[in-house]
Amino acid sequence: MNRIVIIFSFLLLSSCTNLGQTPKSSEQEEVLINKTNNKTNLTNYLDEKKWNALFPKRYGILKKDSINNNPDFYSFKAFVTAAKCFPSFLSDGDKNSQKRELAAFLANIAQETSGGWPTAPDGYFKWGLYFLEEQSEGHGITYADTTKKNYPPVLGKYYFGRGPKQLSWNYNYGQFSQSWYGSKDTLLNHPEWLSKDPVLSFASALWFWMYPQKPKPSCHDIMVEKWKPTEDDILKGRLTGFGATVNVINGGVECGNGKELEKTAYRYQYYQYFCNYFHVSPGSNISCSKQRAFGQ
C-alpha cells in the first residue's frame, strides 16, 4: 500500500464516514456524503474485557496473522472505531431491540468466521472470528459477476470472503468502496485491503448489515422492526426476526429447505447464546427454514 493511500485511509478512520444515503438497488452506487465524528452505543453493551471473553480464539490471537503479523486483528478498538461510522447501529428501538440487534450481528459474524467444531476446547461458541479470509476452495474462486456492469471485476483480482462478514463478490466490494472511499474502483482494484486494515474490515460487515440491497431489506431494519413484511413476504414465510437476517446473508443456500443445515443451526444457536449473554429474549421467527429467499 503506497504512502498516499495510507494517509487517506488514516484520515477516513480518524474522521469517520457518515453513510446517510440508502441505495435503491444493488446496481445503484452509494455516495460518500460527509465526514464526521460520531458516537456509538456499542460501548453501552460491550467493553474490551467482555469482547476478549466472547472471542478468545479470534484471528491474530490464537491463529497467527500470517498476512499482517497483527497480534489482534479483530480487536475491540477496531470494532468500536468502525461502529462510530454507522451511528444508527444499536441506536434504534429500545434497549431490548438494541441487544437483539447486537446478538444477531455477533451471531452472524461469529458463524461466518468460526473455527469451532462440536467438541472444540472451551466449546464451539468461543471460536468466532477465528478466520480472516474464506477457507479451502474459496481462495481459488474469483467471485466475479460480470453481469454487474456498474461494478466490473478487475482481471486477476479475487473477491472471495474477507472480514467479519466475509464480504464476497465484486458488486459488494464496489458498493462498499463507493461508500467508504467515494470511489467504487478503490476496492475493486484492491479487494485484499479488507484483509489488511482491521477498521475497514469491520466497516465492511457493518455496511452490509446497515444498508438494504433490493429486494432485500437491511439486517438492521429487520432486527429493529423498521422493515414491515409485505403480503407477499408473509405468504412466503419472511417475517421479522433473526431468521430473516440469515435470509439476507445467505438465503439462497440456507433458507427455504424445510430443514436446517448444520451451519445454519449453529447460526441460530449462536444467536441464542448471545441473547443469553445480553439477558434478552431472542424474540420470534429465529429460523428461516420455511422462508423463501428474498426475490423469489
C-alpha atoms as a PDB file:
ATOM      1  CA  MET A   1       0.000   0.000   0.000  1.00  0.00           C
ATOM      2  CA  ASN A   2       1.589   3.322  -1.002  1.00  0.00           C
ATOM      3  CA  ARG A   3       2.004   6.321   1.300  1.00  0.00           C
ATOM      4  CA  ILE A   4      -0.825   8.356  -0.260  1.00  0.00           C
ATOM      5  CA  VAL A   5      -3.328   5.551   0.299  1.00  0.00           C
ATOM      6  CA  ILE A   6      -2.131   5.028   3.865  1.00  0.00           C
ATOM      7  CA  ILE A   7      -2.594   8.739   4.649  1.00  0.00           C
ATOM      8  CA  PHE A   8      -6.036   8.761   3.007  1.00  0.00           C
ATOM      9  CA  SER A   9      -7.113   5.676   4.945  1.00  0.00           C
ATOM     10  CA  PHE A  10      -5.905   7.252   8.199  1.00  0.00           C
ATOM     11  CA  LEU A  11      -7.918  10.409   7.563  1.00  0.00           C
ATOM     12  CA  LEU A  12     -11.021   8.348   6.875  1.00  0.00           C
ATOM     13  CA  LEU A  13     -10.612   6.340  10.039  1.00  0.00           C
ATOM     14  CA  SER A  14      -9.874   9.327  12.246  1.00  0.00           C
ATOM     15  CA  SER A  15     -12.771  11.435  10.999  1.00  0.00           C
ATOM     16  CA  CYS A  16     -15.176   8.623  10.128  1.00  0.00           C
ATOM     17  CA  THR A  17     -17.543   8.494   7.180  1.00  0.00           C
ATOM     18  CA  ASN A  18     -21.213   9.221   7.750  1.00  0.00           C
ATOM     19  CA  LEU A  19     -23.115   6.953   5.382  1.00  0.00           C
ATOM     20  CA  GLY A  20     -26.515   8.558   5.111  1.00  0.00           C
ATOM     21  CA  GLN A  21     -27.872   7.543   1.742  1.00  0.00           C
ATOM     22  CA  THR A  22     -29.769   4.315   1.262  1.00  0.00           C
ATOM     23  CA  PRO A  23     -29.267   2.724  -2.169  1.00  0.00           C
ATOM     24  CA  LYS A  24     -32.347   1.885  -4.181  1.00  0.00           C
ATOM     25  CA  SER A  25     -30.894  -1.287  -5.631  1.00  0.00           C
ATOM     26  CA  SER A  26     -27.736  -3.350  -5.786  1.00  0.00           C
ATOM     27  CA  GLU A  27     -26.928  -1.670  -9.116  1.00  0.00           C
ATOM     28  CA  GLN A  28     -27.018   1.885  -7.742  1.00  0.00           C
ATOM     29  CA  GLU A  29     -23.991   3.394  -6.070  1.00  0.00           C
ATOM     30  CA  GLU A  30     -23.986   4.838  -2.604  1.00  0.00           C
ATOM     31  CA  VAL A  31     -22.324   8.205  -2.210  1.00  0.00           C
ATOM     32  CA  LEU A  32     -19.854   9.282   0.451  1.00  0.00           C
ATOM     33  CA  ILE A  33     -21.832  12.147   1.943  1.00  0.00           C
ATOM     34  CA  ASN A  34     -19.573  13.702   4.564  1.00  0.00           C
ATOM     35  CA  LYS A  35     -17.086  13.012   7.322  1.00  0.00           C
ATOM     36  CA  THR A  36     -17.953  13.497  10.945  1.00  0.00           C
ATOM     37  CA  ASN A  37     -17.079  12.167  14.359  1.00  0.00           C
ATOM     38  CA  ASN A  38     -19.875  10.071  15.803  1.00  0.00           C
ATOM     39  CA  LYS A  39     -20.620   8.137  18.943  1.00  0.00           C
ATOM     40  CA  THR A  40     -21.735   4.543  19.149  1.00  0.00           C
ATOM     41  CA  ASN A  41     -23.977   2.684  21.565  1.00  0.00           C
ATOM     42  CA  LEU A  42     -21.776  -0.377  21.143  1.00  0.00           C
ATOM     43  CA  THR A  43     -19.816   0.567  24.244  1.00  0.00           C
ATOM     44  CA  ASN A  44     -23.032   0.550  26.277  1.00  0.00           C
ATOM     45  CA  TYR A  45     -23.161  -3.220  25.836  1.00  0.00           C
ATOM     46  CA  LEU A  46     -19.568  -4.361  25.368  1.00  0.00           C
ATOM     47  CA  ASP A  47     -16.114  -3.413  26.527  1.00  0.00           C
ATOM     48  CA  GLU A  48     -12.693  -4.850  25.799  1.00  0.00           C
ATOM     49  CA  LYS A  49     -12.820  -7.318  28.686  1.00  0.00           C
ATOM     50  CA  LYS A  50     -16.183  -8.720  27.571  1.00  0.00           C
ATOM     51  CA  TRP A  51     -15.018  -8.807  23.952  1.00  0.00           C
ATOM     52  CA  ASN A  52     -11.935 -10.777  24.902  1.00  0.00           C
ATOM     53  CA  ALA A  53     -14.076 -13.259  26.840  1.00  0.00           C
ATOM     54  CA  LEU A  54     -16.545 -13.717  23.989  1.00  0.00           C
ATOM     55  CA  PHE A  55     -13.913 -14.111  21.256  1.00  0.00           C
ATOM     56  CA  PRO A  56     -10.794 -15.561  22.900  1.00  0.00           C
ATOM     57  CA  LYS A  57      -9.760 -17.563  19.808  1.00  0.00           C
ATOM     58  CA  ARG A  58     -10.045 -14.739  17.308  1.00  0.00           C
ATOM     59  CA  TYR A  59      -7.696 -14.173  14.406  1.00  0.00           C
ATOM     60  CA  GLY A  60      -4.317 -12.831  15.424  1.00  0.00           C
ATOM     61  CA  ILE A  61      -4.601 -14.179  18.974  1.00  0.00           C
ATOM     62  CA  LEU A  62      -4.912 -17.964  18.695  1.00  0.00           C
ATOM     63  CA  LYS A  63      -4.394 -18.175  14.939  1.00  0.00           C
ATOM     64  CA  LYS A  64      -1.319 -16.185  13.893  1.00  0.00           C
ATOM     65  CA  ASP A  65      -1.971 -13.343  11.466  1.00  0.00           C
ATOM     66  CA  SER A  66       0.193 -14.530   8.588  1.00  0.00           C
ATOM     67  CA  ILE A  67      -0.872 -11.585   6.391  1.00  0.00           C
ATOM     68  CA  ASN A  68      -0.090  -8.611   8.638  1.00  0.00           C
ATOM     69  CA  ASN A  69       1.559 -10.028  11.763  1.00  0.00           C
ATOM     70  CA  ASN A  70      -1.130  -8.190  13.717  1.00  0.00           C
ATOM     71  CA  PRO A  71      -1.403  -9.729  17.217  1.00  0.00           C
ATOM     72  CA  ASP A  72      -5.104  -8.806  17.446  1.00  0.00           C
ATOM     73  CA  PHE A  73      -6.635  -8.076  14.044  1.00  0.00           C
ATOM     74  CA  TYR A  74     -10.234  -8.293  15.292  1.00  0.00           C
ATOM     75  CA  SER A  75      -9.646  -6.022  18.280  1.00  0.00           C
ATOM     76  CA  PHE A  76     -12.478  -4.361  20.171  1.00  0.00           C
ATOM     77  CA  LYS A  77     -10.882  -0.989  19.446  1.00  0.00           C
ATOM     78  CA  ALA A  78     -11.126  -1.610  15.692  1.00  0.00           C
ATOM     79  CA  PHE A  79     -14.770  -2.671  16.059  1.00  0.00           C
ATOM     80  CA  VAL A  80     -15.647   0.474  18.016  1.00  0.00           C
ATOM     81  CA  THR A  81     -13.851   2.727  15.528  1.00  0.00           C
ATOM     82  CA  ALA A  82     -15.791   1.194  12.647  1.00  0.00           C
ATOM     83  CA  ALA A  83     -19.103   1.304  14.551  1.00  0.00           C
ATOM     84  CA  LYS A  84     -18.747   5.066  15.002  1.00  0.00           C
ATOM     85  CA  CYS A  85     -19.121   5.376  11.244  1.00  0.00           C
ATOM     86  CA  PHE A  86     -22.616   3.842  11.460  1.00  0.00           C
ATOM     87  CA  PRO A  87     -24.372   5.816  14.222  1.00  0.00           C
ATOM     88  CA  SER A  88     -27.732   4.086  13.641  1.00  0.00           C
ATOM     89  CA  PHE A  89     -26.215   0.742  14.587  1.00  0.00           C
ATOM     90  CA  LEU A  90     -27.599  -0.140  18.051  1.00  0.00           C
ATOM     91  CA  SER A  91     -29.320   3.259  18.269  1.00  0.00           C
ATOM     92  CA  ASP A  92     -32.826   2.484  17.007  1.00  0.00           C
ATOM     93  CA  GLY A  93     -35.552   0.965  19.155  1.00  0.00           C
ATOM     94  CA  ASP A  94     -35.469   0.270  22.863  1.00  0.00           C
ATOM     95  CA  LYS A  95     -32.662  -1.430  24.773  1.00  0.00           C
ATOM     96  CA  ASN A  96     -34.063  -4.894  24.159  1.00  0.00           C
ATOM     97  CA  SER A  97     -34.172  -4.242  20.413  1.00  0.00           C
ATOM     98  CA  GLN A  98     -30.599  -2.995  20.524  1.00  0.00           C
ATOM     99  CA  LYS A  99     -29.450  -6.039  22.464  1.00  0.00           C
ATOM    100  CA  ARG A 100     -31.148  -8.344  19.951  1.00  0.00           C
ATOM    101  CA  GLU A 101     -29.545  -6.465  17.075  1.00  0.00           C
ATOM    102  CA  LEU A 102     -26.111  -6.808  18.644  1.00  0.00           C
ATOM    103  CA  ALA A 103     -26.729 -10.504  19.362  1.00  0.00           C
ATOM    104  CA  ALA A 104     -27.841 -11.027  15.761  1.00  0.00           C
ATOM    105  CA  PHE A 105     -24.841  -9.183  14.318  1.00  0.00           C
ATOM    106  CA  LEU A 106     -22.376 -11.081  16.510  1.00  0.00           C
ATOM    107  CA  ALA A 107     -24.074 -14.406  15.759  1.00  0.00           C
ATOM    108  CA  ASN A 108     -23.744 -13.943  12.025  1.00  0.00           C
ATOM    109  CA  ILE A 109     -20.135 -12.738  12.010  1.00  0.00           C
ATOM    110  CA  ALA A 110     -19.162 -15.439  14.507  1.00  0.00           C
ATOM    111  CA  GLN A 111     -20.575 -18.198  12.323  1.00  0.00           C
ATOM    112  CA  GLU A 112     -19.187 -16.691   9.120  1.00  0.00           C
ATOM    113  CA  THR A 113     -15.676 -16.828  10.620  1.00  0.00           C
ATOM    114  CA  SER A 114     -15.977 -19.757  13.014  1.00  0.00           C
ATOM    115  CA  GLY A 115     -13.108 -22.150  13.568  1.00  0.00           C
ATOM    116  CA  GLY A 116     -15.081 -24.276  16.001  1.00  0.00           C
ATOM    117  CA  TRP A 117     -16.280 -27.856  15.938  1.00  0.00           C
ATOM    118  CA  PRO A 118     -18.690 -29.736  18.233  1.00  0.00           C
ATOM    119  CA  THR A 119     -16.000 -30.900  20.668  1.00  0.00           C
ATOM    120  CA  ALA A 120     -13.743 -27.833  20.394  1.00  0.00           C
ATOM    121  CA  PRO A 121     -11.859 -26.783  23.545  1.00  0.00           C
ATOM    122  CA  ASP A 122     -13.945 -24.297  25.575  1.00  0.00           C
ATOM    123  CA  GLY A 123     -16.937 -25.084  23.344  1.00  0.00           C
ATOM    124  CA  TYR A 124     -17.985 -24.212  19.811  1.00  0.00           C
ATOM    125  CA  PHE A 125     -19.133 -20.691  20.659  1.00  0.00           C
ATOM    126  CA  LYS A 126     -15.685 -19.470  21.740  1.00  0.00           C
ATOM    127  CA  TRP A 127     -14.285 -19.890  18.235  1.00  0.00           C
ATOM    128  CA  GLY A 128     -15.942 -16.994  16.434  1.00  0.00           C
ATOM    129  CA  LEU A 129     -13.778 -14.606  14.363  1.00  0.00           C
ATOM    130  CA  TYR A 130     -11.121 -17.295  14.027  1.00  0.00           C
ATOM    131  CA  PHE A 131     -10.676 -16.781  10.272  1.00  0.00           C
ATOM    132  CA  LEU A 132      -9.997 -13.602   8.309  1.00  0.00           C
ATOM    133  CA  GLU A 133     -10.417 -14.979   4.797  1.00  0.00           C
ATOM    134  CA  GLU A 134     -12.592 -17.627   3.198  1.00  0.00           C
ATOM    135  CA  GLN A 135     -11.122 -21.072   3.599  1.00  0.00           C
ATOM    136  CA  SER A 136     -10.370 -24.069   1.349  1.00  0.00           C
ATOM    137  CA  GLU A 137     -11.587 -23.846  -2.216  1.00  0.00           C
ATOM    138  CA  GLY A 138     -12.897 -20.308  -1.776  1.00  0.00           C
ATOM    139  CA  HIS A 139      -9.459 -18.838  -2.349  1.00  0.00           C
ATOM    140  CA  GLY A 140      -9.434 -20.228  -5.879  1.00  0.00           C
ATOM    141  CA  ILE A 141     -12.740 -18.621  -6.881  1.00  0.00           C
ATOM    142  CA  THR A 142     -12.768 -15.085  -8.264  1.00  0.00           C
ATOM    143  CA  TYR A 143     -16.382 -14.336  -7.209  1.00  0.00           C
ATOM    144  CA  ALA A 144     -16.529 -12.061 -10.242  1.00  0.00           C
ATOM    145  CA  ASP A 145     -20.032 -11.421 -11.587  1.00  0.00           C
ATOM    146  CA  THR A 146     -19.576  -9.793 -14.993  1.00  0.00           C
ATOM    147  CA  THR A 147     -23.309  -9.105 -15.302  1.00  0.00           C
ATOM    148  CA  LYS A 148     -22.980  -6.343 -12.691  1.00  0.00           C
ATOM    149  CA  LYS A 149     -21.907  -3.686 -15.169  1.00  0.00           C
ATOM    150  CA  ASN A 150     -21.678  -0.901 -12.584  1.00  0.00           C
ATOM    151  CA  TYR A 151     -19.060  -2.850 -10.635  1.00  0.00           C
ATOM    152  CA  PRO A 152     -16.882  -4.590 -13.222  1.00  0.00           C
ATOM    153  CA  PRO A 153     -14.429  -7.061 -11.730  1.00  0.00           C
ATOM    154  CA  VAL A 154     -10.752  -6.435 -12.344  1.00  0.00           C
ATOM    155  CA  LEU A 155      -8.851  -9.180 -14.126  1.00  0.00           C
ATOM    156  CA  GLY A 156      -6.630 -11.065 -11.731  1.00  0.00           C
ATOM    157  CA  LYS A 157      -8.444  -9.883  -8.602  1.00  0.00           C
ATOM    158  CA  TYR A 158     -10.308 -12.169  -6.238  1.00  0.00           C
ATOM    159  CA  TYR A 159     -13.467 -11.111  -4.410  1.00  0.00           C
ATOM    160  CA  PHE A 160     -13.761 -14.083  -2.069  1.00  0.00           C
ATOM    161  CA  GLY A 161     -14.971 -13.666   1.502  1.00  0.00           C
ATOM    162  CA  ARG A 162     -12.931 -11.404   3.750  1.00  0.00           C
ATOM    163  CA  GLY A 163     -13.514  -9.849   7.149  1.00  0.00           C
ATOM    164  CA  PRO A 164     -16.122 -10.498   9.867  1.00  0.00           C
ATOM    165  CA  LYS A 165     -18.981 -10.737   7.378  1.00  0.00           C
ATOM    166  CA  GLN A 166     -16.812 -12.500   4.756  1.00  0.00           C
ATOM    167  CA  LEU A 167     -17.781  -9.859   2.194  1.00  0.00           C
ATOM    168  CA  SER A 168     -17.904 -11.523  -1.232  1.00  0.00           C
ATOM    169  CA  TRP A 169     -18.462 -10.673  -4.902  1.00  0.00           C
ATOM    170  CA  ASN A 170     -17.290  -7.690  -6.919  1.00  0.00           C
ATOM    171  CA  TYR A 171     -20.606  -5.817  -6.647  1.00  0.00           C
ATOM    172  CA  ASN A 172     -20.425  -5.841  -2.843  1.00  0.00           C
ATOM    173  CA  TYR A 173     -16.799  -4.714  -2.856  1.00  0.00           C
ATOM    174  CA  GLY A 174     -17.698  -1.981  -5.351  1.00  0.00           C
ATOM    175  CA  GLN A 175     -20.685  -0.662  -3.437  1.00  0.00           C
ATOM    176  CA  PHE A 176     -18.865  -0.668  -0.123  1.00  0.00           C
ATOM    177  CA  SER A 177     -15.882   1.031  -1.754  1.00  0.00           C
ATOM    178  CA  GLN A 178     -18.138   3.782  -3.093  1.00  0.00           C
ATOM    179  CA  SER A 179     -19.483   4.385   0.405  1.00  0.00           C
ATOM    180  CA  TRP A 180     -16.163   4.308   2.215  1.00  0.00           C
ATOM    181  CA  TYR A 181     -13.730   5.836  -0.256  1.00  0.00           C
ATOM    182  CA  GLY A 182     -16.080   7.762  -2.553  1.00  0.00           C
ATOM    183  CA  SER A 183     -14.949   5.578  -5.457  1.00  0.00           C
ATOM    184  CA  LYS A 184     -16.105   2.117  -6.424  1.00  0.00           C
ATOM    185  CA  ASP A 185     -12.759   1.448  -8.078  1.00  0.00           C
ATOM    186  CA  THR A 186     -10.650   1.546  -4.909  1.00  0.00           C
ATOM    187  CA  LEU A 187     -11.678  -1.860  -3.576  1.00  0.00           C
ATOM    188  CA  LEU A 188     -12.431  -3.289  -7.000  1.00  0.00           C
ATOM    189  CA  ASN A 189      -8.748  -2.752  -7.672  1.00  0.00           C
ATOM    190  CA  HIS A 190      -7.628  -3.673  -4.155  1.00  0.00           C
ATOM    191  CA  PRO A 191     -10.072  -6.164  -2.564  1.00  0.00           C
ATOM    192  CA  GLU A 192      -7.194  -7.514  -0.477  1.00  0.00           C
ATOM    193  CA  TRP A 193      -7.251  -4.332   1.621  1.00  0.00           C
ATOM    194  CA  LEU A 194     -10.103  -5.845   3.654  1.00  0.00           C
ATOM    195  CA  SER A 195      -7.538  -8.318   4.956  1.00  0.00           C
ATOM    196  CA  LYS A 196      -5.008  -5.613   5.804  1.00  0.00           C
ATOM    197  CA  ASP A 197      -6.986  -2.886   7.590  1.00  0.00           C
ATOM    198  CA  PRO A 198      -8.932  -4.019  10.704  1.00  0.00           C
ATOM    199  CA  VAL A 199     -11.254  -0.993  10.773  1.00  0.00           C
ATOM    200  CA  LEU A 200     -12.019  -1.305   7.064  1.00  0.00           C
ATOM    201  CA  SER A 201     -12.699  -4.991   7.631  1.00  0.00           C
ATOM    202  CA  PHE A 202     -15.216  -4.348  10.427  1.00  0.00           C
ATOM    203  CA  ALA A 203     -16.744  -1.484   8.432  1.00  0.00           C
ATOM    204  CA  SER A 204     -17.429  -3.822   5.512  1.00  0.00           C
ATOM    205  CA  ALA A 205     -19.505  -6.037   7.814  1.00  0.00           C
ATOM    206  CA  LEU A 206     -21.386  -3.096   9.306  1.00  0.00           C
ATOM    207  CA  TRP A 207     -22.037  -1.592   5.873  1.00  0.00           C
ATOM    208  CA  PHE A 208     -23.623  -4.835   4.691  1.00  0.00           C
ATOM    209  CA  TRP A 209     -25.647  -5.032   7.914  1.00  0.00           C
ATOM    210  CA  MET A 210     -26.962  -1.478   7.768  1.00  0.00           C
ATOM    211  CA  TYR A 211     -27.857  -0.976   4.098  1.00  0.00           C
ATOM    212  CA  PRO A 212     -30.531  -2.737   2.028  1.00  0.00           C
ATOM    213  CA  GLN A 213     -29.956  -4.139  -1.422  1.00  0.00           C
ATOM    214  CA  LYS A 214     -33.306  -4.594  -3.098  1.00  0.00           C
ATOM    215  CA  PRO A 215     -35.220  -6.835  -2.967  1.00  0.00           C
ATOM    216  CA  LYS A 216     -33.603  -7.447   0.426  1.00  0.00           C
ATOM    217  CA  PRO A 217     -34.156  -5.177   3.427  1.00  0.00           C
ATOM    218  CA  SER A 218     -31.224  -4.397   5.687  1.00  0.00           C
ATOM    219  CA  CYS A 219     -30.499  -6.698   8.596  1.00  0.00           C
ATOM    220  CA  HIS A 220     -30.613  -3.623  10.830  1.00  0.00           C
ATOM    221  CA  ASP A 221     -34.160  -2.746   9.754  1.00  0.00           C
ATOM    222  CA  ILE A 222     -35.239  -6.354  10.291  1.00  0.00           C
ATOM    223  CA  MET A 223     -33.938  -6.522  13.853  1.00  0.00           C
ATOM    224  CA  VAL A 224     -35.351  -3.155  14.945  1.00  0.00           C
ATOM    225  CA  GLU A 225     -38.620  -3.897  13.108  1.00  0.00           C
ATOM    226  CA  LYS A 226     -38.405  -0.950  10.740  1.00  0.00           C
ATOM    227  CA  TRP A 227     -38.899  -3.461   7.961  1.00  0.00           C
ATOM    228  CA  LYS A 228     -42.556  -4.352   7.557  1.00  0.00           C
ATOM    229  CA  PRO A 229     -43.166  -7.579   5.626  1.00  0.00           C
ATOM    230  CA  THR A 230     -45.471  -7.223   2.645  1.00  0.00           C
ATOM    231  CA  GLU A 231     -48.322  -9.626   1.959  1.00  0.00           C
ATOM    232  CA  ASP A 232     -46.009 -11.459  -0.423  1.00  0.00           C
ATOM    233  CA  ASP A 233     -43.326 -11.688   2.253  1.00  0.00           C
ATOM    234  CA  ILE A 234     -45.806 -13.109   4.727  1.00  0.00           C
ATOM    235  CA  LEU A 235     -47.105 -15.583   2.152  1.00  0.00           C
ATOM    236  CA  LYS A 236     -43.549 -16.817   1.591  1.00  0.00           C
ATOM    237  CA  GLY A 237     -42.722 -17.040   5.285  1.00  0.00           C
ATOM    238  CA  ARG A 238     -40.487 -13.969   5.506  1.00  0.00           C
ATOM    239  CA  LEU A 239     -41.199 -12.427   8.895  1.00  0.00           C
ATOM    240  CA  THR A 240     -39.418 -10.054  11.240  1.00  0.00           C
ATOM    241  CA  GLY A 241     -36.860 -11.868  13.368  1.00  0.00           C
ATOM    242  CA  PHE A 242     -33.372 -13.318  13.320  1.00  0.00           C
ATOM    243  CA  GLY A 243     -34.245 -15.833  10.607  1.00  0.00           C
ATOM    244  CA  ALA A 244     -34.755 -13.040   8.094  1.00  0.00           C
ATOM    245  CA  THR A 245     -31.196 -11.774   8.676  1.00  0.00           C
ATOM    246  CA  VAL A 246     -29.909 -15.220   7.728  1.00  0.00           C
ATOM    247  CA  ASN A 247     -32.123 -14.976   4.650  1.00  0.00           C
ATOM    248  CA  VAL A 248     -30.498 -11.667   3.704  1.00  0.00           C
ATOM    249  CA  ILE A 249     -26.991 -13.031   4.160  1.00  0.00           C
ATOM    250  CA  ASN A 250     -27.319 -16.467   2.578  1.00  0.00           C
ATOM    251  CA  GLY A 251     -30.968 -17.164   1.875  1.00  0.00           C
ATOM    252  CA  GLY A 252     -30.458 -18.965  -1.418  1.00  0.00           C
ATOM    253  CA  VAL A 253     -28.394 -21.633   0.308  1.00  0.00           C
ATOM    254  CA  GLU A 254     -29.565 -21.789   3.909  1.00  0.00           C
ATOM    255  CA  CYS A 255     -33.272 -20.915   3.806  1.00  0.00           C
ATOM    256  CA  GLY A 256     -36.467 -22.397   2.455  1.00  0.00           C
ATOM    257  CA  ASN A 257     -35.300 -26.004   2.588  1.00  0.00           C
ATOM    258  CA  GLY A 258     -37.778 -27.061   5.239  1.00  0.00           C
ATOM    259  CA  LYS A 259     -34.820 -28.322   7.251  1.00  0.00           C
ATOM    260  CA  GLU A 260     -31.771 -26.837   8.900  1.00  0.00           C
ATOM    261  CA  LEU A 261     -28.248 -27.206   7.569  1.00  0.00           C
ATOM    262  CA  GLU A 262     -25.617 -27.754  10.252  1.00  0.00           C
ATOM    263  CA  LYS A 263     -24.031 -24.345   9.711  1.00  0.00           C
ATOM    264  CA  THR A 264     -27.446 -22.676   9.813  1.00  0.00           C
ATOM    265  CA  ALA A 265     -28.318 -24.433  13.052  1.00  0.00           C
ATOM    266  CA  TYR A 266     -25.115 -23.005  14.507  1.00  0.00           C
ATOM    267  CA  ARG A 267     -26.210 -19.500  13.466  1.00  0.00           C
ATOM    268  CA  TYR A 268     -29.423 -19.933  15.445  1.00  0.00           C
ATOM    269  CA  GLN A 269     -27.540 -21.349  18.412  1.00  0.00           C
ATOM    270  CA  TYR A 270     -25.014 -18.510  18.289  1.00  0.00           C
ATOM    271  CA  TYR A 271     -27.897 -16.030  18.325  1.00  0.00           C
ATOM    272  CA  GLN A 272     -29.468 -17.654  21.361  1.00  0.00           C
ATOM    273  CA  TYR A 273     -26.029 -17.805  23.012  1.00  0.00           C
ATOM    274  CA  PHE A 274     -25.511 -14.056  22.602  1.00  0.00           C
ATOM    275  CA  CYS A 275     -29.096 -13.263  23.617  1.00  0.00           C
ATOM    276  CA  ASN A 276     -28.490 -15.183  26.824  1.00  0.00           C
ATOM    277  CA  TYR A 277     -25.285 -13.244  27.333  1.00  0.00           C
ATOM    278  CA  PHE A 278     -27.090  -9.902  26.982  1.00  0.00           C
ATOM    279  CA  HIS A 279     -30.056 -11.094  29.083  1.00  0.00           C
ATOM    280  CA  VAL A 280     -32.661 -10.545  26.382  1.00  0.00           C
ATOM    281  CA  SER A 281     -35.239 -12.874  24.874  1.00  0.00           C
ATOM    282  CA  PRO A 282     -34.444 -13.886  21.280  1.00  0.00           C
ATOM    283  CA  GLY A 283     -37.910 -12.998  20.019  1.00  0.00           C
ATOM    284  CA  SER A 284     -39.851 -14.931  17.403  1.00  0.00           C
ATOM    285  CA  ASN A 285     -39.053 -16.248  13.910  1.00  0.00           C
ATOM    286  CA  ILE A 286     -35.490 -17.325  14.620  1.00  0.00           C
ATOM    287  CA  SER A 287     -35.421 -19.903  11.818  1.00  0.00           C
ATOM    288  CA  CYS A 288     -35.539 -19.294   8.057  1.00  0.00           C
ATOM    289  CA  SER A 289     -36.079 -22.950   7.135  1.00  0.00           C
ATOM    290  CA  LYS A 290     -39.573 -22.162   5.836  1.00  0.00           C
ATOM    291  CA  GLN A 291     -38.724 -18.792   4.303  1.00  0.00           C
ATOM    292  CA  ARG A 292     -38.360 -18.372   0.583  1.00  0.00           C
ATOM    293  CA  ALA A 293     -35.261 -16.417  -0.360  1.00  0.00           C
ATOM    294  CA  PHE A 294     -35.794 -12.710  -0.974  1.00  0.00           C
ATOM    295  CA  GLY A 295     -36.566 -12.090  -4.616  1.00  0.00           C
ATOM    296  CA  GLN A 296     -38.349 -15.427  -5.066  1.00  0.00           C
END
